[in-house]
Protein backbone atom coordinates (compact mmCIF):
# COMPACT_ATOMS: atom_id res chain seq x y z
CA UNK A 1 0.00 0.00 0.00
CA UNK A 2 2.76 2.48 0.91
CA UNK A 3 4.50 1.89 -2.41
CA UNK A 4 1.30 2.61 -4.33
CA UNK A 5 0.72 5.81 -2.37
CA UNK A 6 4.31 6.86 -2.95
CA UNK A 7 3.99 6.19 -6.69
CA UNK A 8 0.77 8.20 -6.84
CA UNK A 9 2.40 11.12 -5.01
CA UNK A 10 5.40 10.92 -7.32
CA UNK A 11 3.11 10.94 -10.36
CA UNK A 12 1.22 13.99 -9.09
CA UNK A 13 4.51 15.76 -8.33
CA UNK A 14 5.81 15.03 -11.86
CA UNK A 15 2.54 16.24 -13.37
CA UNK A 16 2.83 19.51 -11.42
CA UNK A 17 6.43 19.93 -12.56
CA UNK A 18 5.48 19.37 -16.20
CA UNK A 19 2.54 21.80 -16.05
CA UNK A 20 4.76 24.47 -14.46
CA UNK A 21 7.46 23.80 -17.06
CA UNK A 22 4.98 24.13 -19.92
CA UNK A 23 3.50 27.33 -18.52
CA UNK A 24 6.94 28.90 -18.03
CA UNK A 25 8.14 27.92 -21.52
CA UNK A 26 5.04 29.46 -23.08
CA UNK A 27 5.83 32.78 -21.36
CA UNK A 28 9.37 32.93 -22.77
CA UNK A 29 10.41 35.07 -25.71
CA UNK A 30 11.08 33.39 -29.07
CA UNK A 31 14.83 33.51 -28.43
CA UNK A 32 14.52 31.57 -25.19
CA UNK A 33 11.95 29.18 -26.67
CA UNK A 34 14.47 28.40 -29.42
CA UNK A 35 17.01 27.50 -26.75
CA UNK A 36 14.44 25.22 -25.09
CA UNK A 37 13.94 23.50 -28.44
CA UNK A 38 17.71 23.15 -28.86
CA UNK A 39 17.95 21.50 -25.42
CA UNK A 40 15.15 19.09 -26.39
CA UNK A 41 16.76 18.30 -29.74
CA UNK A 42 20.09 17.66 -28.03
CA UNK A 43 18.32 15.18 -25.76
CA UNK A 44 16.78 13.36 -28.71
CA UNK A 45 13.28 14.68 -28.01
CA UNK A 46 11.19 15.13 -31.12
CA UNK A 47 8.20 17.34 -31.52
CA UNK A 48 5.56 18.10 -34.07
CA UNK A 49 5.40 21.40 -35.88
CA UNK A 50 2.55 23.28 -37.50
CA UNK A 51 1.75 26.92 -38.27
CA UNK A 52 1.13 27.55 -34.56
CA UNK A 53 4.58 26.40 -33.46
CA UNK A 54 6.42 23.33 -32.22
CA UNK A 55 4.72 20.97 -29.80
CA UNK A 56 6.56 18.56 -27.52
CA UNK A 57 4.93 15.87 -25.41
CA UNK A 58 6.73 16.51 -22.12
CA UNK A 59 5.43 13.27 -20.59
CA UNK A 60 7.80 11.37 -22.90
CA UNK A 61 10.88 13.44 -22.01
CA UNK A 62 13.66 11.94 -19.89
CA UNK A 63 14.12 13.21 -16.33
CA UNK A 64 17.57 14.57 -17.22
CA UNK A 65 16.10 16.79 -19.96
CA UNK A 66 13.31 17.98 -17.63
CA UNK A 67 15.97 18.94 -15.08
CA UNK A 68 18.06 20.70 -17.73
CA UNK A 69 15.00 22.66 -18.90
CA UNK A 70 14.17 23.65 -15.33
CA UNK A 71 17.78 24.77 -14.82
CA UNK A 72 17.62 26.85 -17.99
CA UNK A 73 14.34 28.46 -16.90
CA UNK A 74 15.90 29.31 -13.52
CA UNK A 75 18.85 30.89 -15.38
CA UNK A 76 16.52 32.98 -17.56
CA UNK A 77 14.50 34.08 -14.53
CA UNK A 78 17.66 35.09 -12.63
CA UNK A 79 18.97 36.91 -15.69
CA UNK A 80 15.73 38.90 -16.02
CA UNK A 81 15.79 39.82 -12.33
CA UNK A 82 19.35 41.09 -12.67
CA UNK A 83 18.51 43.08 -15.79
CA UNK A 84 15.50 44.65 -14.08
CA UNK A 85 17.64 45.61 -11.07
CA UNK A 86 20.25 47.19 -13.36
CA UNK A 87 17.54 49.10 -15.24
CA UNK A 88 16.13 50.37 -11.95
CA UNK A 89 19.57 51.52 -10.83
CA UNK A 90 20.08 53.23 -14.18
CA UNK A 91 16.78 55.10 -13.81
CA UNK A 92 17.67 56.17 -10.29
CA UNK A 93 21.09 57.44 -11.38
CA UNK A 94 19.59 59.24 -14.36
CA UNK A 95 17.01 60.92 -12.15
CA UNK A 96 19.54 61.84 -9.49
CA UNK A 97 22.38 63.16 -11.64
CA UNK A 98 20.99 64.14 -15.02
CA UNK A 99 17.69 65.89 -14.30
PDB file of N, CA and C in Angstrom:
ATOM      1  N   UNK A   1       0.807  -1.191   0.000  1.00  0.00           N
ATOM      2  CA  UNK A   1       0.000   0.000   0.000  1.00  0.00           C
ATOM      3  C   UNK A   1       0.852   1.258   0.000  1.00  0.00           C
ATOM      4  N   UNK A   2       1.910   1.290   0.814  1.00  0.00           N
ATOM      5  CA  UNK A   2       2.757   2.477   0.914  1.00  0.00           C
ATOM      6  C   UNK A   2       3.441   2.756  -0.416  1.00  0.00           C
ATOM      7  N   UNK A   3       3.849   1.707  -1.116  1.00  0.00           N
ATOM      8  CA  UNK A   3       4.504   1.886  -2.409  1.00  0.00           C
ATOM      9  C   UNK A   3       3.544   2.489  -3.427  1.00  0.00           C
ATOM     10  N   UNK A   4       2.296   2.064  -3.405  1.00  0.00           N
ATOM     11  CA  UNK A   4       1.295   2.606  -4.329  1.00  0.00           C
ATOM     12  C   UNK A   4       1.021   4.075  -4.025  1.00  0.00           C
ATOM     13  N   UNK A   5       0.943   4.414  -2.751  1.00  0.00           N
ATOM     14  CA  UNK A   5       0.716   5.811  -2.368  1.00  0.00           C
ATOM     15  C   UNK A   5       1.901   6.674  -2.754  1.00  0.00           C
ATOM     16  N   UNK A   6       3.094   6.139  -2.569  1.00  0.00           N
ATOM     17  CA  UNK A   6       4.307   6.865  -2.947  1.00  0.00           C
ATOM     18  C   UNK A   6       4.371   7.080  -4.454  1.00  0.00           C
ATOM     19  N   UNK A   7       3.997   6.072  -5.227  1.00  0.00           N
ATOM     20  CA  UNK A   7       3.990   6.189  -6.692  1.00  0.00           C
ATOM     21  C   UNK A   7       2.957   7.210  -7.146  1.00  0.00           C
ATOM     22  N   UNK A   8       1.809   7.236  -6.490  1.00  0.00           N
ATOM     23  CA  UNK A   8       0.772   8.198  -6.841  1.00  0.00           C
ATOM     24  C   UNK A   8       1.236   9.615  -6.533  1.00  0.00           C
ATOM     25  N   UNK A   9       1.874   9.807  -5.385  1.00  0.00           N
ATOM     26  CA  UNK A   9       2.399  11.118  -5.015  1.00  0.00           C
ATOM     27  C   UNK A   9       3.475  11.555  -5.989  1.00  0.00           C
ATOM     28  N   UNK A  10       4.341  10.631  -6.362  1.00  0.00           N
ATOM     29  CA  UNK A  10       5.403  10.924  -7.322  1.00  0.00           C
ATOM     30  C   UNK A  10       4.815  11.326  -8.674  1.00  0.00           C
ATOM     31  N   UNK A  11       3.772  10.645  -9.089  1.00  0.00           N
ATOM     32  CA  UNK A  11       3.109  10.944 -10.359  1.00  0.00           C
ATOM     33  C   UNK A  11       2.476  12.328 -10.338  1.00  0.00           C
ATOM     34  N   UNK A  12       1.841  12.672  -9.227  1.00  0.00           N
ATOM     35  CA  UNK A  12       1.221  13.995  -9.088  1.00  0.00           C
ATOM     36  C   UNK A  12       2.295  15.073  -9.084  1.00  0.00           C
ATOM     37  N   UNK A  13       3.407  14.811  -8.383  1.00  0.00           N
ATOM     38  CA  UNK A  13       4.510  15.762  -8.331  1.00  0.00           C
ATOM     39  C   UNK A  13       5.083  15.987  -9.731  1.00  0.00           C
ATOM     40  N   UNK A  14       5.277  14.913 -10.501  1.00  0.00           N
ATOM     41  CA  UNK A  14       5.810  15.034 -11.859  1.00  0.00           C
ATOM     42  C   UNK A  14       4.829  15.797 -12.739  1.00  0.00           C
ATOM     43  N   UNK A  15       3.545  15.525 -12.595  1.00  0.00           N
ATOM     44  CA  UNK A  15       2.537  16.239 -13.373  1.00  0.00           C
ATOM     45  C   UNK A  15       2.600  17.740 -13.075  1.00  0.00           C
ATOM     46  N   UNK A  16       2.728  18.095 -11.818  1.00  0.00           N
ATOM     47  CA  UNK A  16       2.830  19.509 -11.421  1.00  0.00           C
ATOM     48  C   UNK A  16       4.073  20.149 -12.010  1.00  0.00           C
ATOM     49  N   UNK A  17       5.184  19.420 -11.976  1.00  0.00           N
ATOM     50  CA  UNK A  17       6.430  19.934 -12.558  1.00  0.00           C
ATOM     51  C   UNK A  17       6.267  20.188 -14.046  1.00  0.00           C
ATOM     52  N   UNK A  18       5.634  19.242 -14.751  1.00  0.00           N
ATOM     53  CA  UNK A  18       5.479  19.375 -16.198  1.00  0.00           C
ATOM     54  C   UNK A  18       4.541  20.525 -16.557  1.00  0.00           C
ATOM     55  N   UNK A  19       3.477  20.692 -15.794  1.00  0.00           N
ATOM     56  CA  UNK A  19       2.544  21.803 -16.052  1.00  0.00           C
ATOM     57  C   UNK A  19       3.263  23.137 -15.828  1.00  0.00           C
ATOM     58  N   UNK A  20       4.010  23.235 -14.740  1.00  0.00           N
ATOM     59  CA  UNK A  20       4.757  24.467 -14.456  1.00  0.00           C
ATOM     60  C   UNK A  20       5.790  24.722 -15.547  1.00  0.00           C
ATOM     61  N   UNK A  21       6.459  23.679 -15.992  1.00  0.00           N
ATOM     62  CA  UNK A  21       7.459  23.796 -17.061  1.00  0.00           C
ATOM     63  C   UNK A  21       6.811  24.300 -18.348  1.00  0.00           C
ATOM     64  N   UNK A  22       5.702  23.711 -18.712  1.00  0.00           N
ATOM     65  CA  UNK A  22       4.980  24.130 -19.923  1.00  0.00           C
ATOM     66  C   UNK A  22       4.560  25.587 -19.824  1.00  0.00           C
ATOM     67  N   UNK A  23       3.975  25.958 -18.704  1.00  0.00           N
ATOM     68  CA  UNK A  23       3.504  27.333 -18.519  1.00  0.00           C
ATOM     69  C   UNK A  23       4.656  28.324 -18.618  1.00  0.00           C
ATOM     70  N   UNK A  24       5.786  28.000 -17.998  1.00  0.00           N
ATOM     71  CA  UNK A  24       6.937  28.898 -18.032  1.00  0.00           C
ATOM     72  C   UNK A  24       7.553  28.995 -19.424  1.00  0.00           C
ATOM     73  N   UNK A  25       7.595  27.900 -20.155  1.00  0.00           N
ATOM     74  CA  UNK A  25       8.143  27.920 -21.516  1.00  0.00           C
ATOM     75  C   UNK A  25       7.260  28.774 -22.412  1.00  0.00           C
ATOM     76  N   UNK A  26       5.957  28.675 -22.255  1.00  0.00           N
ATOM     77  CA  UNK A  26       5.042  29.459 -23.082  1.00  0.00           C
ATOM     78  C   UNK A  26       5.205  30.959 -22.858  1.00  0.00           C
ATOM     79  N   UNK A  27       5.658  31.364 -21.675  1.00  0.00           N
ATOM     80  CA  UNK A  27       5.832  32.778 -21.355  1.00  0.00           C
ATOM     81  C   UNK A  27       7.156  33.351 -21.873  1.00  0.00           C
ATOM     82  N   UNK A  28       8.059  32.477 -22.306  1.00  0.00           N
ATOM     83  CA  UNK A  28       9.373  32.929 -22.767  1.00  0.00           C
ATOM     84  C   UNK A  28       9.283  33.626 -24.118  1.00  0.00           C
ATOM     85  N   UNK A  29      10.294  34.445 -24.388  1.00  0.00           N
ATOM     86  CA  UNK A  29      10.410  35.069 -25.708  1.00  0.00           C
ATOM     87  C   UNK A  29      10.829  33.999 -26.724  1.00  0.00           C
ATOM     88  N   UNK A  30      10.716  34.334 -27.992  1.00  0.00           N
ATOM     89  CA  UNK A  30      11.077  33.388 -29.068  1.00  0.00           C
ATOM     90  C   UNK A  30      12.521  32.925 -28.936  1.00  0.00           C
ATOM     91  N   UNK A  31      13.409  33.848 -28.562  1.00  0.00           N
ATOM     92  CA  UNK A  31      14.831  33.506 -28.428  1.00  0.00           C
ATOM     93  C   UNK A  31      15.017  32.405 -27.391  1.00  0.00           C
ATOM     94  N   UNK A  32      14.380  32.564 -26.257  1.00  0.00           N
ATOM     95  CA  UNK A  32      14.520  31.568 -25.193  1.00  0.00           C
ATOM     96  C   UNK A  32      13.772  30.276 -25.539  1.00  0.00           C
ATOM     97  N   UNK A  33      12.660  30.382 -26.231  1.00  0.00           N
ATOM     98  CA  UNK A  33      11.951  29.177 -26.667  1.00  0.00           C
ATOM     99  C   UNK A  33      12.803  28.385 -27.660  1.00  0.00           C
ATOM    100  N   UNK A  34      13.560  29.090 -28.487  1.00  0.00           N
ATOM    101  CA  UNK A  34      14.466  28.405 -29.422  1.00  0.00           C
ATOM    102  C   UNK A  34      15.531  27.627 -28.667  1.00  0.00           C
ATOM    103  N   UNK A  35      16.016  28.194 -27.567  1.00  0.00           N
ATOM    104  CA  UNK A  35      17.009  27.503 -26.748  1.00  0.00           C
ATOM    105  C   UNK A  35      16.387  26.272 -26.089  1.00  0.00           C
ATOM    106  N   UNK A  36      15.151  26.371 -25.653  1.00  0.00           N
ATOM    107  CA  UNK A  36      14.444  25.222 -25.086  1.00  0.00           C
ATOM    108  C   UNK A  36      14.348  24.111 -26.130  1.00  0.00           C
ATOM    109  N   UNK A  37      14.022  24.484 -27.358  1.00  0.00           N
ATOM    110  CA  UNK A  37      13.937  23.499 -28.437  1.00  0.00           C
ATOM    111  C   UNK A  37      15.297  22.864 -28.716  1.00  0.00           C
ATOM    112  N   UNK A  38      16.359  23.671 -28.646  1.00  0.00           N
ATOM    113  CA  UNK A  38      17.712  23.149 -28.858  1.00  0.00           C
ATOM    114  C   UNK A  38      18.050  22.125 -27.768  1.00  0.00           C
ATOM    115  N   UNK A  39      17.696  22.437 -26.518  1.00  0.00           N
ATOM    116  CA  UNK A  39      17.945  21.503 -25.416  1.00  0.00           C
ATOM    117  C   UNK A  39      17.189  20.194 -25.658  1.00  0.00           C
ATOM    118  N   UNK A  40      15.952  20.295 -26.101  1.00  0.00           N
ATOM    119  CA  UNK A  40      15.154  19.092 -26.390  1.00  0.00           C
ATOM    120  C   UNK A  40      15.751  18.295 -27.544  1.00  0.00           C
ATOM    121  N   UNK A  41      16.148  18.992 -28.599  1.00  0.00           N
ATOM    122  CA  UNK A  41      16.761  18.304 -29.742  1.00  0.00           C
ATOM    123  C   UNK A  41      18.036  17.584 -29.331  1.00  0.00           C
ATOM    124  N   UNK A  42      18.842  18.247 -28.510  1.00  0.00           N
ATOM    125  CA  UNK A  42      20.093  17.659 -28.029  1.00  0.00           C
ATOM    126  C   UNK A  42      19.816  16.375 -27.251  1.00  0.00           C
ATOM    127  N   UNK A  43      18.684  16.351 -26.551  1.00  0.00           N
ATOM    128  CA  UNK A  43      18.319  15.178 -25.764  1.00  0.00           C
ATOM    129  C   UNK A  43      17.577  14.120 -26.562  1.00  0.00           C
ATOM    130  N   UNK A  44      17.440  14.338 -27.865  1.00  0.00           N
ATOM    131  CA  UNK A  44      16.775  13.362 -28.712  1.00  0.00           C
ATOM    132  C   UNK A  44      15.256  13.421 -28.636  1.00  0.00           C
ATOM    133  N   UNK A  45      14.727  14.523 -28.130  1.00  0.00           N
ATOM    134  CA  UNK A  45      13.281  14.683 -28.009  1.00  0.00           C
ATOM    135  C   UNK A  45      12.755  15.271 -29.311  1.00  0.00           C
ATOM    136  N   UNK A  46      11.768  14.614 -29.882  1.00  0.00           N
ATOM    137  CA  UNK A  46      11.194  15.128 -31.124  1.00  0.00           C
ATOM    138  C   UNK A  46       9.845  15.761 -30.829  1.00  0.00           C
ATOM    139  N   UNK A  47       9.478  16.678 -31.675  1.00  0.00           N
ATOM    140  CA  UNK A  47       8.199  17.344 -31.521  1.00  0.00           C
ATOM    141  C   UNK A  47       7.486  17.396 -32.852  1.00  0.00           C
ATOM    142  N   UNK A  48       6.290  17.907 -32.827  1.00  0.00           N
ATOM    143  CA  UNK A  48       5.557  18.100 -34.074  1.00  0.00           C
ATOM    144  C   UNK A  48       5.402  19.595 -34.292  1.00  0.00           C
ATOM    145  N   UNK A  49       5.442  19.987 -35.544  1.00  0.00           N
ATOM    146  CA  UNK A  49       5.400  21.404 -35.879  1.00  0.00           C
ATOM    147  C   UNK A  49       4.247  21.681 -36.822  1.00  0.00           C
ATOM    148  N   UNK A  50       3.568  22.797 -36.577  1.00  0.00           N
ATOM    149  CA  UNK A  50       2.554  23.281 -37.503  1.00  0.00           C
ATOM    150  C   UNK A  50       2.642  24.798 -37.531  1.00  0.00           C
ATOM    151  N   UNK A  51       1.680  25.463 -38.138  1.00  0.00           N
ATOM    152  CA  UNK A  51       1.754  26.918 -38.271  1.00  0.00           C
ATOM    153  C   UNK A  51       1.684  27.632 -36.927  1.00  0.00           C
ATOM    154  N   UNK A  52       1.225  26.957 -35.885  1.00  0.00           N
ATOM    155  CA  UNK A  52       1.130  27.553 -34.556  1.00  0.00           C
ATOM    156  C   UNK A  52       2.389  27.381 -33.722  1.00  0.00           C
ATOM    157  N   UNK A  53       3.327  26.588 -34.197  1.00  0.00           N
ATOM    158  CA  UNK A  53       4.576  26.403 -33.465  1.00  0.00           C
ATOM    159  C   UNK A  53       4.979  24.948 -33.372  1.00  0.00           C
ATOM    160  N   UNK A  54       5.901  24.679 -32.452  1.00  0.00           N
ATOM    161  CA  UNK A  54       6.420  23.334 -32.220  1.00  0.00           C
ATOM    162  C   UNK A  54       5.811  22.814 -30.925  1.00  0.00           C
ATOM    163  N   UNK A  55       5.365  21.581 -30.964  1.00  0.00           N
ATOM    164  CA  UNK A  55       4.725  20.971 -29.797  1.00  0.00           C
ATOM    165  C   UNK A  55       5.518  19.736 -29.377  1.00  0.00           C
ATOM    166  N   UNK A  56       5.793  19.666 -28.078  1.00  0.00           N
ATOM    167  CA  UNK A  56       6.559  18.558 -27.522  1.00  0.00           C
ATOM    168  C   UNK A  56       5.737  17.920 -26.415  1.00  0.00           C
ATOM    169  N   UNK A  57       5.622  16.604 -26.461  1.00  0.00           N
ATOM    170  CA  UNK A  57       4.931  15.870 -25.411  1.00  0.00           C
ATOM    171  C   UNK A  57       5.908  15.688 -24.255  1.00  0.00           C
ATOM    172  N   UNK A  58       5.782  16.522 -23.233  1.00  0.00           N
ATOM    173  CA  UNK A  58       6.728  16.507 -22.120  1.00  0.00           C
ATOM    174  C   UNK A  58       6.648  15.233 -21.288  1.00  0.00           C
ATOM    175  N   UNK A  59       5.546  14.504 -21.379  1.00  0.00           N
ATOM    176  CA  UNK A  59       5.431  13.273 -20.587  1.00  0.00           C
ATOM    177  C   UNK A  59       6.385  12.201 -21.094  1.00  0.00           C
ATOM    178  N   UNK A  60       6.889  12.351 -22.320  1.00  0.00           N
ATOM    179  CA  UNK A  60       7.805  11.368 -22.899  1.00  0.00           C
ATOM    180  C   UNK A  60       9.274  11.780 -22.767  1.00  0.00           C
ATOM    181  N   UNK A  61       9.524  12.897 -22.105  1.00  0.00           N
ATOM    182  CA  UNK A  61      10.880  13.437 -22.009  1.00  0.00           C
ATOM    183  C   UNK A  61      11.590  12.843 -20.796  1.00  0.00           C
ATOM    184  N   UNK A  62      12.865  12.522 -20.972  1.00  0.00           N
ATOM    185  CA  UNK A  62      13.657  11.941 -19.887  1.00  0.00           C
ATOM    186  C   UNK A  62      13.813  12.931 -18.732  1.00  0.00           C
ATOM    187  N   UNK A  63      13.952  12.399 -17.542  1.00  0.00           N
ATOM    188  CA  UNK A  63      14.121  13.214 -16.331  1.00  0.00           C
ATOM    189  C   UNK A  63      15.307  14.167 -16.458  1.00  0.00           C
ATOM    190  N   UNK A  64      16.385  13.716 -17.085  1.00  0.00           N
ATOM    191  CA  UNK A  64      17.573  14.569 -17.224  1.00  0.00           C
ATOM    192  C   UNK A  64      17.277  15.804 -18.079  1.00  0.00           C
ATOM    193  N   UNK A  65      16.454  15.657 -19.108  1.00  0.00           N
ATOM    194  CA  UNK A  65      16.099  16.790 -19.965  1.00  0.00           C
ATOM    195  C   UNK A  65      15.155  17.720 -19.214  1.00  0.00           C
ATOM    196  N   UNK A  66      14.218  17.164 -18.446  1.00  0.00           N
ATOM    197  CA  UNK A  66      13.313  17.980 -17.631  1.00  0.00           C
ATOM    198  C   UNK A  66      14.137  18.842 -16.668  1.00  0.00           C
ATOM    199  N   UNK A  67      15.105  18.222 -16.020  1.00  0.00           N
ATOM    200  CA  UNK A  67      15.965  18.941 -15.079  1.00  0.00           C
ATOM    201  C   UNK A  67      16.775  20.018 -15.792  1.00  0.00           C
ATOM    202  N   UNK A  68      17.291  19.711 -16.962  1.00  0.00           N
ATOM    203  CA  UNK A  68      18.057  20.700 -17.731  1.00  0.00           C
ATOM    204  C   UNK A  68      17.172  21.877 -18.146  1.00  0.00           C
ATOM    205  N   UNK A  69      15.935  21.587 -18.542  1.00  0.00           N
ATOM    206  CA  UNK A  69      15.002  22.660 -18.900  1.00  0.00           C
ATOM    207  C   UNK A  69      14.672  23.527 -17.688  1.00  0.00           C
ATOM    208  N   UNK A  70      14.446  22.895 -16.544  1.00  0.00           N
ATOM    209  CA  UNK A  70      14.169  23.655 -15.326  1.00  0.00           C
ATOM    210  C   UNK A  70      15.363  24.534 -14.939  1.00  0.00           C
ATOM    211  N   UNK A  71      16.564  24.002 -15.099  1.00  0.00           N
ATOM    212  CA  UNK A  71      17.778  24.772 -14.820  1.00  0.00           C
ATOM    213  C   UNK A  71      17.885  25.964 -15.759  1.00  0.00           C
ATOM    214  N   UNK A  72      17.577  25.753 -17.024  1.00  0.00           N
ATOM    215  CA  UNK A  72      17.621  26.852 -17.993  1.00  0.00           C
ATOM    216  C   UNK A  72      16.576  27.914 -17.646  1.00  0.00           C
ATOM    217  N   UNK A  73      15.375  27.505 -17.277  1.00  0.00           N
ATOM    218  CA  UNK A  73      14.344  28.461 -16.901  1.00  0.00           C
ATOM    219  C   UNK A  73      14.745  29.257 -15.658  1.00  0.00           C
ATOM    220  N   UNK A  74      15.397  28.598 -14.695  1.00  0.00           N
ATOM    221  CA  UNK A  74      15.902  29.312 -13.518  1.00  0.00           C
ATOM    222  C   UNK A  74      16.941  30.348 -13.930  1.00  0.00           C
ATOM    223  N   UNK A  75      17.827  29.971 -14.867  1.00  0.00           N
ATOM    224  CA  UNK A  75      18.847  30.890 -15.376  1.00  0.00           C
ATOM    225  C   UNK A  75      18.199  32.106 -16.035  1.00  0.00           C
ATOM    226  N   UNK A  76      17.202  31.876 -16.878  1.00  0.00           N
ATOM    227  CA  UNK A  76      16.518  32.978 -17.564  1.00  0.00           C
ATOM    228  C   UNK A  76      15.836  33.884 -16.543  1.00  0.00           C
ATOM    229  N   UNK A  77      15.184  33.302 -15.563  1.00  0.00           N
ATOM    230  CA  UNK A  77      14.501  34.077 -14.528  1.00  0.00           C
ATOM    231  C   UNK A  77      15.500  34.938 -13.754  1.00  0.00           C
ATOM    232  N   UNK A  78      16.631  34.345 -13.349  1.00  0.00           N
ATOM    233  CA  UNK A  78      17.663  35.088 -12.630  1.00  0.00           C
ATOM    234  C   UNK A  78      18.233  36.210 -13.490  1.00  0.00           C
ATOM    235  N   UNK A  79      18.438  35.922 -14.759  1.00  0.00           N
ATOM    236  CA  UNK A  79      18.969  36.910 -15.692  1.00  0.00           C
ATOM    237  C   UNK A  79      18.000  38.098 -15.812  1.00  0.00           C
ATOM    238  N   UNK A  80      16.719  37.824 -15.914  1.00  0.00           N
ATOM    239  CA  UNK A  80      15.732  38.899 -16.022  1.00  0.00           C
ATOM    240  C   UNK A  80      15.660  39.728 -14.745  1.00  0.00           C
ATOM    241  N   UNK A  81      15.789  39.089 -13.597  1.00  0.00           N
ATOM    242  CA  UNK A  81      15.793  39.822 -12.326  1.00  0.00           C
ATOM    243  C   UNK A  81      16.990  40.767 -12.275  1.00  0.00           C
ATOM    244  N   UNK A  82      18.156  40.268 -12.670  1.00  0.00           N
ATOM    245  CA  UNK A  82      19.355  41.094 -12.669  1.00  0.00           C
ATOM    246  C   UNK A  82      19.216  42.261 -13.648  1.00  0.00           C
ATOM    247  N   UNK A  83      18.685  42.006 -14.819  1.00  0.00           N
ATOM    248  CA  UNK A  83      18.506  43.075 -15.794  1.00  0.00           C
ATOM    249  C   UNK A  83      17.529  44.131 -15.284  1.00  0.00           C
ATOM    250  N   UNK A  84      16.458  43.707 -14.650  1.00  0.00           N
ATOM    251  CA  UNK A  84      15.496  44.652 -14.083  1.00  0.00           C
ATOM    252  C   UNK A  84      16.124  45.496 -12.974  1.00  0.00           C
ATOM    253  N   UNK A  85      16.953  44.869 -12.133  1.00  0.00           N
ATOM    254  CA  UNK A  85      17.640  45.614 -11.075  1.00  0.00           C
ATOM    255  C   UNK A  85      18.595  46.647 -11.669  1.00  0.00           C
ATOM    256  N   UNK A  86      19.319  46.268 -12.696  1.00  0.00           N
ATOM    257  CA  UNK A  86      20.245  47.192 -13.355  1.00  0.00           C
ATOM    258  C   UNK A  86      19.478  48.348 -13.994  1.00  0.00           C
ATOM    259  N   UNK A  87      18.357  48.043 -14.636  1.00  0.00           N
ATOM    260  CA  UNK A  87      17.537  49.099 -15.240  1.00  0.00           C
ATOM    261  C   UNK A  87      17.011  50.059 -14.178  1.00  0.00           C
ATOM    262  N   UNK A  88      16.620  49.527 -13.037  1.00  0.00           N
ATOM    263  CA  UNK A  88      16.127  50.373 -11.949  1.00  0.00           C
ATOM    264  C   UNK A  88      17.247  51.278 -11.435  1.00  0.00           C
ATOM    265  N   UNK A  89      18.434  50.720 -11.275  1.00  0.00           N
ATOM    266  CA  UNK A  89      19.574  51.520 -10.833  1.00  0.00           C
ATOM    267  C   UNK A  89      19.896  52.604 -11.855  1.00  0.00           C
ATOM    268  N   UNK A  90      19.816  52.257 -13.115  1.00  0.00           N
ATOM    269  CA  UNK A  90      20.077  53.226 -14.184  1.00  0.00           C
ATOM    270  C   UNK A  90      19.079  54.379 -14.117  1.00  0.00           C
ATOM    271  N   UNK A  91      17.813  54.060 -13.921  1.00  0.00           N
ATOM    272  CA  UNK A  91      16.781  55.099 -13.808  1.00  0.00           C
ATOM    273  C   UNK A  91      17.042  55.999 -12.610  1.00  0.00           C
ATOM    274  N   UNK A  92      17.399  55.389 -11.488  1.00  0.00           N
ATOM    275  CA  UNK A  92      17.673  56.174 -10.286  1.00  0.00           C
ATOM    276  C   UNK A  92      18.855  57.111 -10.491  1.00  0.00           C
ATOM    277  N   UNK A  93      19.919  56.621 -11.120  1.00  0.00           N
ATOM    278  CA  UNK A  93      21.092  57.445 -11.383  1.00  0.00           C
ATOM    279  C   UNK A  93      20.771  58.565 -12.368  1.00  0.00           C
ATOM    280  N   UNK A  94      19.989  58.235 -13.381  1.00  0.00           N
ATOM    281  CA  UNK A  94      19.590  59.241 -14.360  1.00  0.00           C
ATOM    282  C   UNK A  94      18.780  60.337 -13.699  1.00  0.00           C
ATOM    283  N   UNK A  95      17.844  59.952 -12.848  1.00  0.00           N
ATOM    284  CA  UNK A  95      17.008  60.925 -12.148  1.00  0.00           C
ATOM    285  C   UNK A  95      17.839  61.775 -11.187  1.00  0.00           C
ATOM    286  N   UNK A  96      18.752  61.153 -10.504  1.00  0.00           N
ATOM    287  CA  UNK A  96      19.543  61.843  -9.486  1.00  0.00           C
ATOM    288  C   UNK A  96      20.577  62.792 -10.079  1.00  0.00           C
ATOM    289  N   UNK A  97      21.252  62.388 -11.146  1.00  0.00           N
ATOM    290  CA  UNK A  97      22.384  63.155 -11.641  1.00  0.00           C
ATOM    291  C   UNK A  97      22.162  63.882 -12.963  1.00  0.00           C
ATOM    292  N   UNK A  98      21.138  63.546 -13.698  1.00  0.00           N
ATOM    293  CA  UNK A  98      20.988  64.141 -15.021  1.00  0.00           C
ATOM    294  C   UNK A  98      19.697  64.913 -15.206  1.00  0.00           C
ATOM    295  N   UNK A  99      18.924  65.118 -14.166  1.00  0.00           N
ATOM    296  CA  UNK A  99      17.693  65.894 -14.303  1.00  0.00           C
ATOM    297  C   UNK A  99      17.609  66.965 -13.285  1.00  0.00           C
TER     298      UNK A  99
END
